[in-house]
Amino acid sequence: MGTAAHDITAAIAAERRELAALFGDLDPERWEAPSLCAGWRVREVVAHMSMGFRHSTPAVLWELAKAGGSINRMADRLARRDAAAHPDERLAAFLSEHAHHPWKPPVGGFETALAHDVVHGLDVTVALGLDRRVPEDRLSVVLCTVGPRTSRFFGADLDGVRLHADDLDWTYGTGAPLHGTAQDLLLVAYGRRLPPGLLTGEVCHRFVAG
């Protein structure tokens, strides 16, 4: 494994451990709170985050076939099933216990695996109003995954919009500026709608929940 890949896998392990500790300290009612993933509570998000560690490739392919080839339907079914099957502490522990698991999404490398952990972690912390800042070195890697393919897959309508981070030297797209922290704009690029007050700009209403 090259130095760059080693650095990213180390970042993945650190992110999983930190999120496992954060999730493990959540009060029971917060596990039932809605996340930024439409239709999922916090517990479905956390269950989904460890899906690739706990289900073999043949099992996932079988579930995908049952879902008619829809990745979203398959992921939703497994997240709801696993969220109901495991208590809160186990859902959190799956992340720390598999901190070094080499799972990667079907498309993409370790950068995309890190993005999976970072974005879903933010789905929880931003929805709950927790002030967790993703370390800049990890966030910089994940910001490099933002592109047209990401927008299409996650349904982010960024036509005529320029994402402009106020805390990092990062922009993406062209058009009317949308300002926010880099991690909040990352969520926008991954198709999330954010709570009010996190974004500024004349187009921010397009990306705010409610």
C-alpha atoms as a PDB file:
ATOM      1  CA  MET A   1       0.000   0.000   0.000  1.00  0.00           C
ATOM      2  CA  GLY A   2       1.427   3.378  -1.005  1.00  0.00           C
ATOM      3  CA  THR A   3       1.895   6.263   1.401  1.00  0.00           C
ATOM      4  CA  ALA A   4      -1.158   8.160   0.126  1.00  0.00           C
ATOM      5  CA  ALA A   5      -3.422   5.111   0.444  1.00  0.00           C
ATOM      6  CA  HIS A   6      -2.029   4.409   3.907  1.00  0.00           C
ATOM      7  CA  ASP A   7      -2.780   7.979   4.970  1.00  0.00           C
ATOM      8  CA  ILE A   8      -6.371   7.694   3.761  1.00  0.00           C
ATOM      9  CA  THR A   9      -6.979   4.347   5.473  1.00  0.00           C
ATOM     10  CA  ALA A  10      -5.584   5.835   8.676  1.00  0.00           C
ATOM     11  CA  ALA A  11      -7.994   8.760   8.273  1.00  0.00           C
ATOM     12  CA  ILE A  12     -10.880   6.334   7.725  1.00  0.00           C
ATOM     13  CA  ALA A  13     -10.009   4.430  10.902  1.00  0.00           C
ATOM     14  CA  ALA A  14      -9.756   7.651  12.914  1.00  0.00           C
ATOM     15  CA  GLU A  15     -13.086   8.926  11.582  1.00  0.00           C
ATOM     16  CA  ARG A  16     -14.851   5.668  12.438  1.00  0.00           C
ATOM     17  CA  ARG A  17     -13.443   5.572  15.949  1.00  0.00           C
ATOM     18  CA  GLU A  18     -14.358   9.189  16.645  1.00  0.00           C
ATOM     19  CA  LEU A  19     -17.875   8.753  15.322  1.00  0.00           C
ATOM     20  CA  ALA A  20     -18.321   5.509  17.271  1.00  0.00           C
ATOM     21  CA  ALA A  21     -17.403   7.355  20.476  1.00  0.00           C
ATOM     22  CA  LEU A  22     -19.764  10.221  19.629  1.00  0.00           C
ATOM     23  CA  PHE A  23     -22.661   7.892  18.777  1.00  0.00           C
ATOM     24  CA  GLY A  24     -22.020   5.829  21.876  1.00  0.00           C
ATOM     25  CA  ASP A  25     -22.587   8.904  24.049  1.00  0.00           C
ATOM     26  CA  LEU A  26     -25.928   9.842  22.473  1.00  0.00           C
ATOM     27  CA  ASP A  27     -29.004   9.763  24.672  1.00  0.00           C
ATOM     28  CA  PRO A  28     -31.627   7.181  23.616  1.00  0.00           C
ATOM     29  CA  GLU A  29     -34.028   9.825  22.334  1.00  0.00           C
ATOM     30  CA  ARG A  30     -31.391  11.178  19.972  1.00  0.00           C
ATOM     31  CA  TRP A  31     -31.110   7.797  18.294  1.00  0.00           C
ATOM     32  CA  GLU A  32     -34.773   8.212  17.345  1.00  0.00           C
ATOM     33  CA  ALA A  33     -34.335  11.747  15.978  1.00  0.00           C
ATOM     34  CA  PRO A  34     -34.506  12.393  12.221  1.00  0.00           C
ATOM     35  CA  SER A  35     -31.229  12.677  10.337  1.00  0.00           C
ATOM     36  CA  LEU A  36     -30.447  14.589   7.161  1.00  0.00           C
ATOM     37  CA  CYS A  37     -31.080  11.377   5.192  1.00  0.00           C
ATOM     38  CA  ALA A  38     -34.720  11.633   4.173  1.00  0.00           C
ATOM     39  CA  GLY A  39     -36.813   9.033   5.993  1.00  0.00           C
ATOM     40  CA  TRP A  40     -34.005   7.793   8.227  1.00  0.00           C
ATOM     41  CA  ARG A  41     -33.584   8.328  11.925  1.00  0.00           C
ATOM     42  CA  VAL A  42     -30.115   8.534  13.426  1.00  0.00           C
ATOM     43  CA  ARG A  43     -30.193   4.789  14.070  1.00  0.00           C
ATOM     44  CA  GLU A  44     -30.833   3.926  10.411  1.00  0.00           C
ATOM     45  CA  VAL A  45     -27.897   6.096   9.351  1.00  0.00           C
ATOM     46  CA  VAL A  46     -25.554   4.487  11.859  1.00  0.00           C
ATOM     47  CA  ALA A  47     -26.758   1.012  10.885  1.00  0.00           C
ATOM     48  CA  HIS A  48     -26.156   1.826   7.221  1.00  0.00           C
ATOM     49  CA  MET A  49     -22.626   3.051   7.900  1.00  0.00           C
ATOM     50  CA  SER A  50     -21.493  -0.450   8.901  1.00  0.00           C
ATOM     51  CA  MET A  51     -23.509  -2.359   6.302  1.00  0.00           C
ATOM     52  CA  GLY A  52     -20.450  -3.108   4.172  1.00  0.00           C
ATOM     53  CA  PHE A  53     -18.601  -4.602   7.129  1.00  0.00           C
ATOM     54  CA  ARG A  54     -21.336  -6.910   8.295  1.00  0.00           C
ATOM     55  CA  HIS A  55     -22.839  -8.243   5.063  1.00  0.00           C
ATOM     56  CA  SER A  56     -20.879 -10.294   2.560  1.00  0.00           C
ATOM     57  CA  THR A  57     -20.758  -9.278  -1.096  1.00  0.00           C
ATOM     58  CA  PRO A  58     -23.003 -12.202  -2.158  1.00  0.00           C
ATOM     59  CA  ALA A  59     -25.543 -11.238   0.521  1.00  0.00           C
ATOM     60  CA  VAL A  60     -25.563  -7.624  -0.642  1.00  0.00           C
ATOM     61  CA  LEU A  61     -25.948  -8.682  -4.275  1.00  0.00           C
ATOM     62  CA  TRP A  62     -28.879 -10.907  -3.279  1.00  0.00           C
ATOM     63  CA  GLU A  63     -30.504  -7.998  -1.463  1.00  0.00           C
ATOM     64  CA  LEU A  64     -29.868  -5.816  -4.514  1.00  0.00           C
ATOM     65  CA  ALA A  65     -31.589  -8.355  -6.735  1.00  0.00           C
ATOM     66  CA  LYS A  66     -34.585  -8.465  -4.382  1.00  0.00           C
ATOM     67  CA  ALA A  67     -34.724  -4.672  -4.595  1.00  0.00           C
ATOM     68  CA  GLY A  68     -35.004  -4.826  -8.379  1.00  0.00           C
ATOM     69  CA  GLY A  69     -31.490  -3.519  -8.850  1.00  0.00           C
ATOM     70  CA  SER A  70     -32.154  -0.309  -6.912  1.00  0.00           C
ATOM     71  CA  ILE A  71     -29.229   0.525  -4.637  1.00  0.00           C
ATOM     72  CA  ASN A  72     -31.366   2.996  -2.711  1.00  0.00           C
ATOM     73  CA  ARG A  73     -34.143   0.483  -2.035  1.00  0.00           C
ATOM     74  CA  MET A  74     -31.643  -2.159  -1.022  1.00  0.00           C
ATOM     75  CA  ALA A  75     -29.802   0.212   1.333  1.00  0.00           C
ATOM     76  CA  ASP A  76     -33.069   1.388   2.867  1.00  0.00           C
ATOM     77  CA  ARG A  77     -34.288  -2.153   3.503  1.00  0.00           C
ATOM     78  CA  LEU A  78     -31.034  -3.246   5.132  1.00  0.00           C
ATOM     79  CA  ALA A  79     -30.713  -0.070   7.219  1.00  0.00           C
ATOM     80  CA  ARG A  80     -34.221  -0.441   8.618  1.00  0.00           C
ATOM     81  CA  ARG A  81     -33.762  -4.136   9.284  1.00  0.00           C
ATOM     82  CA  ASP A  82     -30.396  -3.716  10.991  1.00  0.00           C
ATOM     83  CA  ALA A  83     -31.517  -0.673  12.965  1.00  0.00           C
ATOM     84  CA  ALA A  84     -34.316  -2.752  14.446  1.00  0.00           C
ATOM     85  CA  ALA A  85     -32.117  -5.795  15.073  1.00  0.00           C
ATOM     86  CA  HIS A  86     -29.290  -4.188  17.081  1.00  0.00           C
ATOM     87  CA  PRO A  87     -29.271  -1.994  20.207  1.00  0.00           C
ATOM     88  CA  ASP A  88     -27.752   1.477  20.112  1.00  0.00           C
ATOM     89  CA  GLU A  89     -24.434   0.515  21.658  1.00  0.00           C
ATOM     90  CA  ARG A  90     -23.864  -2.270  19.143  1.00  0.00           C
ATOM     91  CA  LEU A  91     -24.644  -0.027  16.188  1.00  0.00           C
ATOM     92  CA  ALA A  92     -22.016   2.417  17.451  1.00  0.00           C
ATOM     93  CA  ALA A  93     -19.507  -0.317  18.272  1.00  0.00           C
ATOM     94  CA  PHE A  94     -19.658  -1.793  14.769  1.00  0.00           C
ATOM     95  CA  LEU A  95     -17.752   1.292  13.551  1.00  0.00           C
ATOM     96  CA  SER A  96     -14.918   1.092  16.062  1.00  0.00           C
ATOM     97  CA  GLU A  97     -14.649  -2.692  15.787  1.00  0.00           C
ATOM     98  CA  HIS A  98     -14.277  -2.377  12.016  1.00  0.00           C
ATOM     99  CA  ALA A  99     -12.191   0.789  11.973  1.00  0.00           C
ATOM    100  CA  HIS A 100      -9.620  -0.816   9.663  1.00  0.00           C
ATOM    101  CA  HIS A 101     -12.073  -2.756   7.509  1.00  0.00           C
ATOM    102  CA  PRO A 102     -11.029  -2.358   3.842  1.00  0.00           C
ATOM    103  CA  TRP A 103     -14.587  -1.886   2.561  1.00  0.00           C
ATOM    104  CA  LYS A 104     -15.017   0.496  -0.361  1.00  0.00           C
ATOM    105  CA  PRO A 105     -18.213   1.525  -2.192  1.00  0.00           C
ATOM    106  CA  PRO A 106     -18.859  -0.270  -5.511  1.00  0.00           C
ATOM    107  CA  VAL A 107     -17.641   2.793  -7.417  1.00  0.00           C
ATOM    108  CA  GLY A 108     -14.609   4.616  -6.088  1.00  0.00           C
ATOM    109  CA  GLY A 109     -11.607   3.957  -3.894  1.00  0.00           C
ATOM    110  CA  PHE A 110     -10.639   4.705  -0.327  1.00  0.00           C
ATOM    111  CA  GLU A 111     -11.396   8.400  -0.867  1.00  0.00           C
ATOM    112  CA  THR A 112     -15.004   7.451  -1.516  1.00  0.00           C
ATOM    113  CA  ALA A 113     -15.015   5.199   1.546  1.00  0.00           C
ATOM    114  CA  LEU A 114     -13.855   8.140   3.651  1.00  0.00           C
ATOM    115  CA  ALA A 115     -16.545  10.302   2.046  1.00  0.00           C
ATOM    116  CA  HIS A 116     -19.154   7.687   3.011  1.00  0.00           C
ATOM    117  CA  ASP A 117     -18.134   7.902   6.669  1.00  0.00           C
ATOM    118  CA  VAL A 118     -17.725  11.678   6.766  1.00  0.00           C
ATOM    119  CA  VAL A 119     -20.992  12.528   5.008  1.00  0.00           C
ATOM    120  CA  HIS A 120     -23.083  10.104   7.044  1.00  0.00           C
ATOM    121  CA  GLY A 121     -21.429  11.317  10.222  1.00  0.00           C
ATOM    122  CA  LEU A 122     -22.511  14.836   9.269  1.00  0.00           C
ATOM    123  CA  ASP A 123     -25.996  13.530   8.488  1.00  0.00           C
ATOM    124  CA  VAL A 124     -26.209  12.821  12.202  1.00  0.00           C
ATOM    125  CA  THR A 125     -24.245  15.633  13.826  1.00  0.00           C
ATOM    126  CA  VAL A 126     -25.698  18.464  11.738  1.00  0.00           C
ATOM    127  CA  ALA A 127     -29.246  17.171  12.166  1.00  0.00           C
ATOM    128  CA  LEU A 128     -28.729  16.981  15.939  1.00  0.00           C
ATOM    129  CA  GLY A 129     -27.072  20.400  16.108  1.00  0.00           C
ATOM    130  CA  LEU A 130     -23.784  18.977  17.400  1.00  0.00           C
ATOM    131  CA  ASP A 131     -20.756  21.163  16.740  1.00  0.00           C
ATOM    132  CA  ARG A 132     -18.394  18.514  15.408  1.00  0.00           C
ATOM    133  CA  ARG A 133     -15.833  19.737  12.904  1.00  0.00           C
ATOM    134  CA  VAL A 134     -14.377  17.177  10.543  1.00  0.00           C
ATOM    135  CA  PRO A 135     -10.569  17.484  10.651  1.00  0.00           C
ATOM    136  CA  GLU A 136      -9.343  19.553   7.729  1.00  0.00           C
ATOM    137  CA  ASP A 137      -7.075  16.871   6.288  1.00  0.00           C
ATOM    138  CA  ARG A 138      -9.977  14.432   6.020  1.00  0.00           C
ATOM    139  CA  LEU A 139     -12.379  17.061   4.754  1.00  0.00           C
ATOM    140  CA  SER A 140      -9.947  18.115   2.025  1.00  0.00           C
ATOM    141  CA  VAL A 141      -9.813  14.544   0.719  1.00  0.00           C
ATOM    142  CA  VAL A 142     -13.593  14.238   0.675  1.00  0.00           C
ATOM    143  CA  LEU A 143     -14.107  17.587  -1.035  1.00  0.00           C
ATOM    144  CA  CYS A 144     -12.102  16.193  -3.952  1.00  0.00           C
ATOM    145  CA  THR A 145     -14.838  13.597  -4.499  1.00  0.00           C
ATOM    146  CA  VAL A 146     -17.377  16.307  -5.352  1.00  0.00           C
ATOM    147  CA  GLY A 147     -18.210  16.327  -9.046  1.00  0.00           C
ATOM    148  CA  PRO A 148     -20.974  15.838 -11.613  1.00  0.00           C
ATOM    149  CA  ARG A 149     -21.243  12.110 -10.872  1.00  0.00           C
ATOM    150  CA  THR A 150     -21.733  12.812  -7.167  1.00  0.00           C
ATOM    151  CA  SER A 151     -24.421  15.374  -7.911  1.00  0.00           C
ATOM    152  CA  ARG A 152     -26.288  13.053 -10.249  1.00  0.00           C
ATOM    153  CA  PHE A 153     -26.193  10.065  -7.918  1.00  0.00           C
ATOM    154  CA  PHE A 154     -27.381  12.009  -4.885  1.00  0.00           C
ATOM    155  CA  GLY A 155     -29.805  14.278  -6.719  1.00  0.00           C
ATOM    156  CA  ALA A 156     -28.040  17.560  -5.948  1.00  0.00           C
ATOM    157  CA  ASP A 157     -29.269  20.303  -8.275  1.00  0.00           C
ATOM    158  CA  LEU A 158     -26.243  22.575  -8.491  1.00  0.00           C
ATOM    159  CA  ASP A 159     -27.011  24.121 -11.877  1.00  0.00           C
ATOM    160  CA  GLY A 160     -26.157  27.813 -11.790  1.00  0.00           C
ATOM    161  CA  VAL A 161     -24.691  27.583  -8.286  1.00  0.00           C
ATOM    162  CA  ARG A 162     -21.150  28.163  -7.070  1.00  0.00           C
ATOM    163  CA  LEU A 163     -20.364  26.579  -3.715  1.00  0.00           C
ATOM    164  CA  HIS A 164     -18.012  28.906  -1.810  1.00  0.00           C
ATOM    165  CA  ALA A 165     -16.518  27.760   1.494  1.00  0.00           C
ATOM    166  CA  ASP A 166     -16.033  30.496   4.071  1.00  0.00           C
ATOM    167  CA  ASP A 167     -13.539  28.540   6.167  1.00  0.00           C
ATOM    168  CA  LEU A 168     -11.386  26.829   3.508  1.00  0.00           C
ATOM    169  CA  ASP A 169     -10.013  27.835   0.129  1.00  0.00           C
ATOM    170  CA  TRP A 170     -12.545  25.746  -1.797  1.00  0.00           C
ATOM    171  CA  THR A 171     -15.151  26.471  -4.432  1.00  0.00           C
ATOM    172  CA  TYR A 172     -17.111  24.306  -6.813  1.00  0.00           C
ATOM    173  CA  GLY A 173     -19.342  25.156  -9.764  1.00  0.00           C
ATOM    174  CA  THR A 174     -20.289  28.395 -11.462  1.00  0.00           C
ATOM    175  CA  GLY A 175     -23.149  30.794 -10.929  1.00  0.00           C
ATOM    176  CA  ALA A 176     -24.800  32.398  -7.922  1.00  0.00           C
ATOM    177  CA  PRO A 177     -22.604  31.966  -4.827  1.00  0.00           C
ATOM    178  CA  LEU A 178     -23.785  29.778  -1.980  1.00  0.00           C
ATOM    179  CA  HIS A 179     -21.744  30.372   1.167  1.00  0.00           C
ATOM    180  CA  GLY A 180     -21.225  28.141   4.187  1.00  0.00           C
ATOM    181  CA  THR A 181     -18.605  26.069   5.918  1.00  0.00           C
ATOM    182  CA  ALA A 182     -16.865  23.539   3.710  1.00  0.00           C
ATOM    183  CA  GLN A 183     -18.480  20.617   5.510  1.00  0.00           C
ATOM    184  CA  ASP A 184     -21.950  22.105   5.169  1.00  0.00           C
ATOM    185  CA  LEU A 185     -21.384  22.702   1.460  1.00  0.00           C
ATOM    186  CA  LEU A 186     -20.155  19.131   1.168  1.00  0.00           C
ATOM    187  CA  LEU A 187     -23.576  18.033   2.378  1.00  0.00           C
ATOM    188  CA  VAL A 188     -25.226  20.243  -0.239  1.00  0.00           C
ATOM    189  CA  ALA A 189     -23.076  18.622  -2.928  1.00  0.00           C
ATOM    190  CA  TYR A 190     -24.233  15.233  -1.663  1.00  0.00           C
ATOM    191  CA  GLY A 191     -27.887  16.178  -2.049  1.00  0.00           C
ATOM    192  CA  ARG A 192     -28.760  17.083   1.530  1.00  0.00           C
ATOM    193  CA  ARG A 193     -31.047  19.868   2.655  1.00  0.00           C
ATOM    194  CA  LEU A 194     -29.679  21.650   5.700  1.00  0.00           C
ATOM    195  CA  PRO A 195     -31.288  23.237   8.758  1.00  0.00           C
ATOM    196  CA  PRO A 196     -31.928  26.983   8.474  1.00  0.00           C
ATOM    197  CA  GLY A 197     -29.129  29.383   9.338  1.00  0.00           C
ATOM    198  CA  LEU A 198     -26.150  27.418   7.997  1.00  0.00           C
ATOM    199  CA  LEU A 199     -26.048  28.760   4.436  1.00  0.00           C
ATOM    200  CA  THR A 200     -26.107  32.248   2.951  1.00  0.00           C
ATOM    201  CA  GLY A 201     -26.685  33.547  -0.563  1.00  0.00           C
ATOM    202  CA  GLU A 202     -29.629  34.342  -2.780  1.00  0.00           C
ATOM    203  CA  VAL A 203     -30.057  30.672  -3.728  1.00  0.00           C
ATOM    204  CA  CYS A 204     -29.781  29.244  -0.205  1.00  0.00           C
ATOM    205  CA  HIS A 205     -33.549  28.611  -0.016  1.00  0.00           C
ATOM    206  CA  ARG A 206     -33.055  25.799  -2.554  1.00  0.00           C
ATOM    207  CA  PHE A 207     -30.915  23.871  -0.094  1.00  0.00           C
ATOM    208  CA  VAL A 208     -32.672  24.432   3.233  1.00  0.00           C
ATOM    209  CA  ALA A 209     -34.982  21.874   4.803  1.00  0.00           C
ATOM    210  CA  GLY A 210     -38.623  22.704   5.370  1.00  0.00           C
END
